[in-house]
Amino acid sequence: MASFKNKVVVITGGSEGIGKALVHAFLEDGAKVATCGRNFDKLYQLQTLYPSKPLLTHTADVSKESDCNQFIQKVIKVYGTIDILINNAGISMRALFEETELDTLRRLMDINFWGAVFCTKFALPFIIENKGTIAGISSIAGFRGLPGRSGYSASKFALNGWLESLRTELADSGVHVLTACPGFTASNIRKVALNKDAKPEAESLMKEEKMMSSSECAAHIFKAIEDRKRTLILTAQGKEAVWLNRLFPSLADKLIHKFYFKDGSLIK
């Protein structure tokens, strides 16, 4: 089994959810961890949980190229290099496309896709030097478009295609590229999903208690990085959706429509 002791691991969006669970997992394994987020208070609270651990936090909005550059440069200044980059920061949405303001879709793409591109671009020379890992936390929505999540699905399809291209380009470099696709996971992403007006929703109507926990999801991602896996698709429901869409796309359309629409209305 690989050990991440003294490896430098960068995780975007690490103040809550899957990102926070990944921060914990790598710190416990002896890694030096750096994470960023938009909320200073949440990052401060995270920092207080690990007073004796090598954890660097930085306030940044990954949709901004300059913020990503400053974050990566700070990591290099403090730790000297980067071994693993986990592009985890992301947001979701809940609204029908015909009712959605275009700013909602732009915001989804800026964070979920461009945030990964920016951070990877600035970290890439160090990762290549160390024959390290680039991971993208994508989604089942990156394989199968979901109603009411058109912008989210588009951003994750883009992320999947970009990671596939990157993996192929770096095939001779020794760099590992992982596409990790959780299914429904209990996290804050649905509670702050954007509505049609690009404003955060107040709450999620999904049954979070029945979903995979963020800690369990992070453990699977940790192991996939350790094993240098190419793709990770989580949950039985997620795997079923991916394969059903590949083999019987028309049936997948009908079943997914039935799942997301009750009495003609979108389930949010």
Protein backbone atom coordinates (compact mmCIF):
# COMPACT_ATOMS: atom_id res chain seq x y z
CA MET A 1 0.00 0.00 0.00
CA ALA A 2 1.22 3.48 -0.84
CA SER A 3 1.81 5.98 1.93
CA PHE A 4 1.20 9.69 1.54
CA LYS A 5 3.48 10.62 4.45
CA ASN A 6 5.13 13.97 3.74
CA LYS A 7 3.47 14.20 0.31
CA VAL A 8 2.01 17.61 -0.53
CA VAL A 9 -1.70 17.26 -1.25
CA VAL A 10 -3.74 20.20 -2.55
CA ILE A 11 -7.54 19.97 -2.24
CA THR A 12 -9.86 22.69 -3.51
CA GLY A 13 -13.12 23.27 -1.67
CA GLY A 14 -11.91 21.57 1.50
CA SER A 15 -13.94 23.42 4.13
CA GLU A 16 -16.93 21.05 4.04
CA GLY A 17 -18.40 17.89 2.54
CA ILE A 18 -16.21 15.52 0.53
CA GLY A 19 -13.36 18.04 0.47
CA LYS A 20 -13.26 18.32 4.24
CA ALA A 21 -13.33 14.53 4.57
CA LEU A 22 -10.41 14.29 2.12
CA VAL A 23 -8.45 16.86 4.13
CA HIS A 24 -8.93 14.69 7.22
CA ALA A 25 -7.99 11.45 5.44
CA PHE A 26 -4.72 12.78 4.03
CA LEU A 27 -3.69 14.56 7.23
CA GLU A 28 -4.26 11.36 9.19
CA ASP A 29 -2.01 9.53 6.72
CA GLY A 30 0.82 11.98 7.32
CA ALA A 31 0.50 14.20 4.27
CA LYS A 32 1.05 17.95 4.15
CA VAL A 33 -2.28 19.39 3.05
CA ALA A 34 -3.34 22.69 1.52
CA THR A 35 -6.93 23.63 0.85
CA CYS A 36 -8.91 26.64 -0.29
CA GLY A 37 -12.48 27.88 -0.10
CA ARG A 38 -14.50 31.07 -0.43
CA ASN A 39 -15.60 31.25 3.22
CA PHE A 40 -12.87 32.47 5.58
CA ASP A 41 -14.82 31.48 8.71
CA LYS A 42 -15.25 27.87 7.57
CA LEU A 43 -11.56 27.64 6.71
CA TYR A 44 -10.65 29.06 10.11
CA GLN A 45 -12.87 26.49 11.83
CA LEU A 46 -11.20 23.75 9.78
CA GLN A 47 -7.75 25.01 10.78
CA THR A 48 -8.66 24.87 14.47
CA LEU A 49 -9.48 21.16 14.15
CA TYR A 50 -5.85 20.37 13.34
CA PRO A 51 -3.64 22.62 15.48
CA SER A 52 -0.63 20.29 15.27
CA LYS A 53 -1.05 19.07 11.68
CA PRO A 54 0.58 20.53 8.54
CA LEU A 55 -2.55 22.18 7.13
CA LEU A 56 -2.46 25.33 5.00
CA THR A 57 -5.74 27.14 4.32
CA HIS A 58 -6.29 29.95 1.85
CA THR A 59 -9.35 31.99 0.95
CA ALA A 60 -9.96 31.79 -2.80
CA ASP A 61 -12.70 31.63 -5.39
CA VAL A 62 -11.59 29.01 -7.91
CA SER A 63 -13.68 30.61 -10.65
CA LYS A 64 -11.08 33.40 -10.69
CA GLU A 65 -7.80 32.64 -12.43
CA SER A 66 -5.86 35.07 -10.24
CA ASP A 67 -7.17 33.46 -7.03
CA CYS A 68 -6.12 30.01 -8.26
CA ASN A 69 -2.66 31.29 -9.17
CA GLN A 70 -2.22 32.96 -5.78
CA PHE A 71 -3.36 29.79 -4.00
CA ILE A 72 -0.94 27.52 -5.86
CA GLN A 73 1.93 29.98 -5.45
CA LYS A 74 1.26 30.10 -1.71
CA VAL A 75 1.40 26.30 -1.55
CA ILE A 76 4.76 26.34 -3.34
CA LYS A 77 6.07 29.06 -1.03
CA VAL A 78 5.09 27.09 2.09
CA TYR A 79 5.65 23.47 1.01
CA GLY A 80 8.00 23.80 -1.96
CA THR A 81 6.17 21.44 -4.31
CA ILE A 82 2.90 19.63 -5.09
CA ASP A 83 2.47 15.87 -5.38
CA ILE A 84 -1.31 15.54 -5.61
CA LEU A 85 -3.98 17.98 -6.74
CA ILE A 86 -7.62 17.12 -6.06
CA ASN A 87 -10.00 19.43 -7.92
CA ASN A 88 -12.97 19.08 -5.62
CA ALA A 89 -14.57 22.54 -5.47
CA GLY A 90 -17.98 22.58 -7.09
CA ILE A 91 -21.58 23.76 -6.98
CA SER A 92 -24.85 22.39 -8.31
CA MET A 93 -28.17 23.78 -9.54
CA ARG A 94 -31.89 22.97 -9.46
CA ALA A 95 -33.96 24.57 -12.21
CA LEU A 96 -35.41 23.79 -15.61
CA PHE A 97 -33.30 25.18 -18.44
CA GLU A 98 -36.16 27.16 -19.98
CA GLU A 99 -36.59 29.06 -16.70
CA THR A 100 -32.90 29.49 -15.92
CA GLU A 101 -30.91 32.70 -16.20
CA LEU A 102 -27.73 32.22 -18.20
CA ASP A 103 -25.67 33.49 -15.25
CA THR A 104 -26.56 30.27 -13.44
CA LEU A 105 -24.95 28.16 -16.15
CA ARG A 106 -21.94 30.46 -16.39
CA ARG A 107 -21.36 30.20 -12.65
CA LEU A 108 -21.56 26.41 -12.78
CA MET A 109 -19.03 26.23 -15.59
CA ASP A 110 -16.69 28.80 -14.03
CA ILE A 111 -16.40 26.89 -10.75
CA ASN A 112 -16.80 23.24 -11.75
CA PHE A 113 -14.78 23.31 -14.96
CA TRP A 114 -12.59 26.40 -15.12
CA GLY A 115 -11.64 26.13 -11.46
CA ALA A 116 -10.11 22.72 -12.15
CA VAL A 117 -8.40 23.98 -15.31
CA PHE A 118 -6.86 27.01 -13.57
CA CYS A 119 -5.51 25.14 -10.54
CA THR A 120 -4.17 22.29 -12.65
CA LYS A 121 -2.44 24.66 -15.06
CA PHE A 122 -0.49 26.34 -12.28
CA ALA A 123 0.28 23.12 -10.37
CA LEU A 124 1.12 20.95 -13.39
CA PRO A 125 4.91 21.56 -13.61
CA PHE A 126 5.38 20.33 -10.04
CA ILE A 127 3.07 17.35 -10.48
CA ILE A 128 4.93 16.29 -13.63
CA GLU A 129 8.27 16.64 -11.83
CA ASN A 130 7.01 14.39 -9.02
CA LYS A 131 5.09 11.94 -11.26
CA GLY A 132 2.16 12.78 -9.06
CA THR A 133 -1.63 12.75 -9.34
CA ILE A 134 -4.33 15.01 -10.75
CA ALA A 135 -7.83 14.09 -9.60
CA GLY A 136 -11.13 15.62 -10.59
CA ILE A 137 -14.21 15.10 -8.44
CA SER A 138 -16.81 14.79 -11.14
CA SER A 139 -20.24 13.16 -10.96
CA ILE A 140 -22.54 10.59 -12.49
CA ALA A 141 -24.00 13.71 -14.13
CA GLY A 142 -20.80 13.79 -16.17
CA PHE A 143 -21.89 10.58 -17.88
CA ARG A 144 -25.64 11.11 -17.94
CA GLY A 145 -27.40 14.47 -18.27
CA LEU A 146 -29.90 15.08 -15.47
CA PRO A 147 -33.09 17.16 -15.69
CA GLY A 148 -32.99 20.35 -13.68
CA ARG A 149 -29.20 20.07 -13.59
CA SER A 150 -28.36 21.05 -17.17
CA GLY A 151 -25.54 23.41 -16.22
CA TYR A 152 -24.18 20.99 -13.63
CA SER A 153 -24.23 18.11 -16.11
CA ALA A 154 -22.58 20.27 -18.78
CA SER A 155 -19.77 21.27 -16.41
CA LYS A 156 -19.14 17.68 -15.38
CA PHE A 157 -19.22 16.40 -18.97
CA ALA A 158 -16.64 19.08 -19.76
CA LEU A 159 -14.53 18.08 -16.75
CA ASN A 160 -14.62 14.39 -17.75
CA GLY A 161 -13.59 15.12 -21.34
CA TRP A 162 -10.82 17.47 -20.25
CA LEU A 163 -9.43 14.94 -17.76
CA GLU A 164 -9.50 12.24 -20.44
CA SER A 165 -7.53 14.48 -22.80
CA LEU A 166 -5.08 15.35 -20.03
CA ARG A 167 -4.61 11.69 -19.13
CA THR A 168 -3.78 10.85 -22.73
CA GLU A 169 -1.39 13.78 -23.13
CA LEU A 170 0.46 12.79 -19.95
CA ALA A 171 0.55 9.05 -20.67
CA ASP A 172 4.36 8.96 -20.93
CA SER A 173 5.02 11.33 -18.03
CA GLY A 174 4.23 9.05 -15.09
CA VAL A 175 1.43 11.36 -13.96
CA HIS A 176 -1.73 9.67 -12.71
CA VAL A 177 -5.09 11.22 -13.68
CA LEU A 178 -8.22 10.13 -11.81
CA THR A 179 -11.83 10.91 -12.68
CA ALA A 180 -13.88 10.26 -9.54
CA CYS A 181 -17.66 10.21 -9.93
CA PRO A 182 -19.67 9.97 -6.72
CA GLY A 183 -23.36 9.22 -6.94
CA PHE A 184 -25.69 10.85 -4.43
CA THR A 185 -23.49 11.76 -1.46
CA ALA A 186 -24.58 13.53 1.72
CA SER A 187 -22.94 16.94 1.51
CA ASN A 188 -23.69 20.65 1.42
CA ILE A 189 -23.70 20.86 -2.38
CA ARG A 190 -27.47 20.45 -2.75
CA LYS A 191 -28.21 22.85 0.12
CA VAL A 192 -26.44 25.67 -1.72
CA ALA A 193 -27.37 24.64 -5.27
CA LEU A 194 -28.17 27.59 -7.50
CA ASN A 195 -31.73 28.26 -8.53
CA LYS A 196 -32.89 29.70 -11.87
CA ASP A 197 -31.74 33.17 -10.81
CA ALA A 198 -28.21 32.05 -9.85
CA LYS A 199 -29.08 32.34 -6.14
CA PRO A 200 -28.43 29.56 -3.58
CA GLU A 201 -31.45 27.43 -2.72
CA ALA A 202 -32.48 27.38 0.93
CA GLU A 203 -32.63 23.63 1.32
CA SER A 204 -32.46 20.27 -0.38
CA LEU A 205 -35.51 18.06 -0.71
CA MET A 206 -33.41 14.93 -1.31
CA LYS A 207 -33.14 12.37 1.51
CA GLU A 208 -29.58 13.05 2.61
CA GLU A 209 -29.69 10.48 5.41
CA LYS A 210 -30.02 7.66 2.87
CA MET A 211 -26.98 8.73 0.85
CA MET A 212 -23.35 7.71 1.09
CA SER A 213 -21.57 9.82 3.70
CA SER A 214 -18.86 12.28 2.73
CA SER A 215 -16.36 10.31 4.82
CA GLU A 216 -17.13 7.06 3.03
CA CYS A 217 -16.92 8.78 -0.33
CA ALA A 218 -13.57 10.33 0.59
CA ALA A 219 -12.25 6.93 1.67
CA HIS A 220 -13.04 5.51 -1.78
CA ILE A 221 -11.34 8.46 -3.50
CA PHE A 222 -8.30 8.14 -1.20
CA LYS A 223 -7.99 4.44 -2.13
CA ALA A 224 -8.43 5.19 -5.85
CA ILE A 225 -5.55 7.68 -5.70
CA GLU A 226 -3.49 5.19 -3.76
CA ASP A 227 -4.17 2.50 -6.38
CA ARG A 228 -3.75 4.99 -9.25
CA LYS A 229 -7.10 4.08 -10.74
CA ARG A 230 -8.29 5.69 -13.96
CA THR A 231 -11.98 6.11 -13.14
CA LEU A 232 -14.02 5.70 -9.97
CA ILE A 233 -17.79 5.38 -10.19
CA LEU A 234 -19.49 5.17 -6.81
CA THR A 235 -22.81 3.79 -5.53
CA ALA A 236 -24.85 1.01 -7.08
CA GLN A 237 -27.36 3.56 -8.34
CA GLY A 238 -24.61 5.54 -10.01
CA LYS A 239 -23.11 2.51 -11.74
CA GLU A 240 -26.57 1.44 -12.87
CA ALA A 241 -27.26 4.88 -14.37
CA VAL A 242 -23.95 4.92 -16.29
CA TRP A 243 -24.34 1.45 -17.77
CA LEU A 244 -28.04 1.82 -18.48
CA ASN A 245 -27.33 5.03 -20.35
CA ARG A 246 -24.63 3.33 -22.43
CA LEU A 247 -26.65 0.23 -23.28
CA PHE A 248 -30.27 1.44 -23.30
CA PRO A 249 -30.26 5.25 -23.60
CA SER A 250 -33.97 5.57 -24.44
CA LEU A 251 -34.94 3.53 -21.40
CA ALA A 252 -32.57 5.65 -19.29
CA ASP A 253 -34.39 8.78 -20.51
CA LYS A 254 -37.72 7.40 -19.33
CA LEU A 255 -36.50 6.12 -15.95
CA ILE A 256 -34.57 9.27 -15.10
CA HIS A 257 -37.51 11.45 -16.12
CA LYS A 258 -39.74 9.40 -13.84
CA PHE A 259 -37.27 9.74 -10.96
CA TYR A 260 -36.94 13.53 -11.22
CA PHE A 261 -40.52 14.46 -12.03
CA LYS A 262 -43.46 13.87 -9.72
CA ASP A 263 -46.94 14.98 -10.84
CA GLY A 264 -45.33 16.84 -13.71
CA SER A 265 -43.08 18.96 -11.47
CA LEU A 266 -39.33 18.81 -11.09
CA ILE A 267 -38.12 17.27 -7.83
CA LYS A 268 -35.53 19.61 -6.35
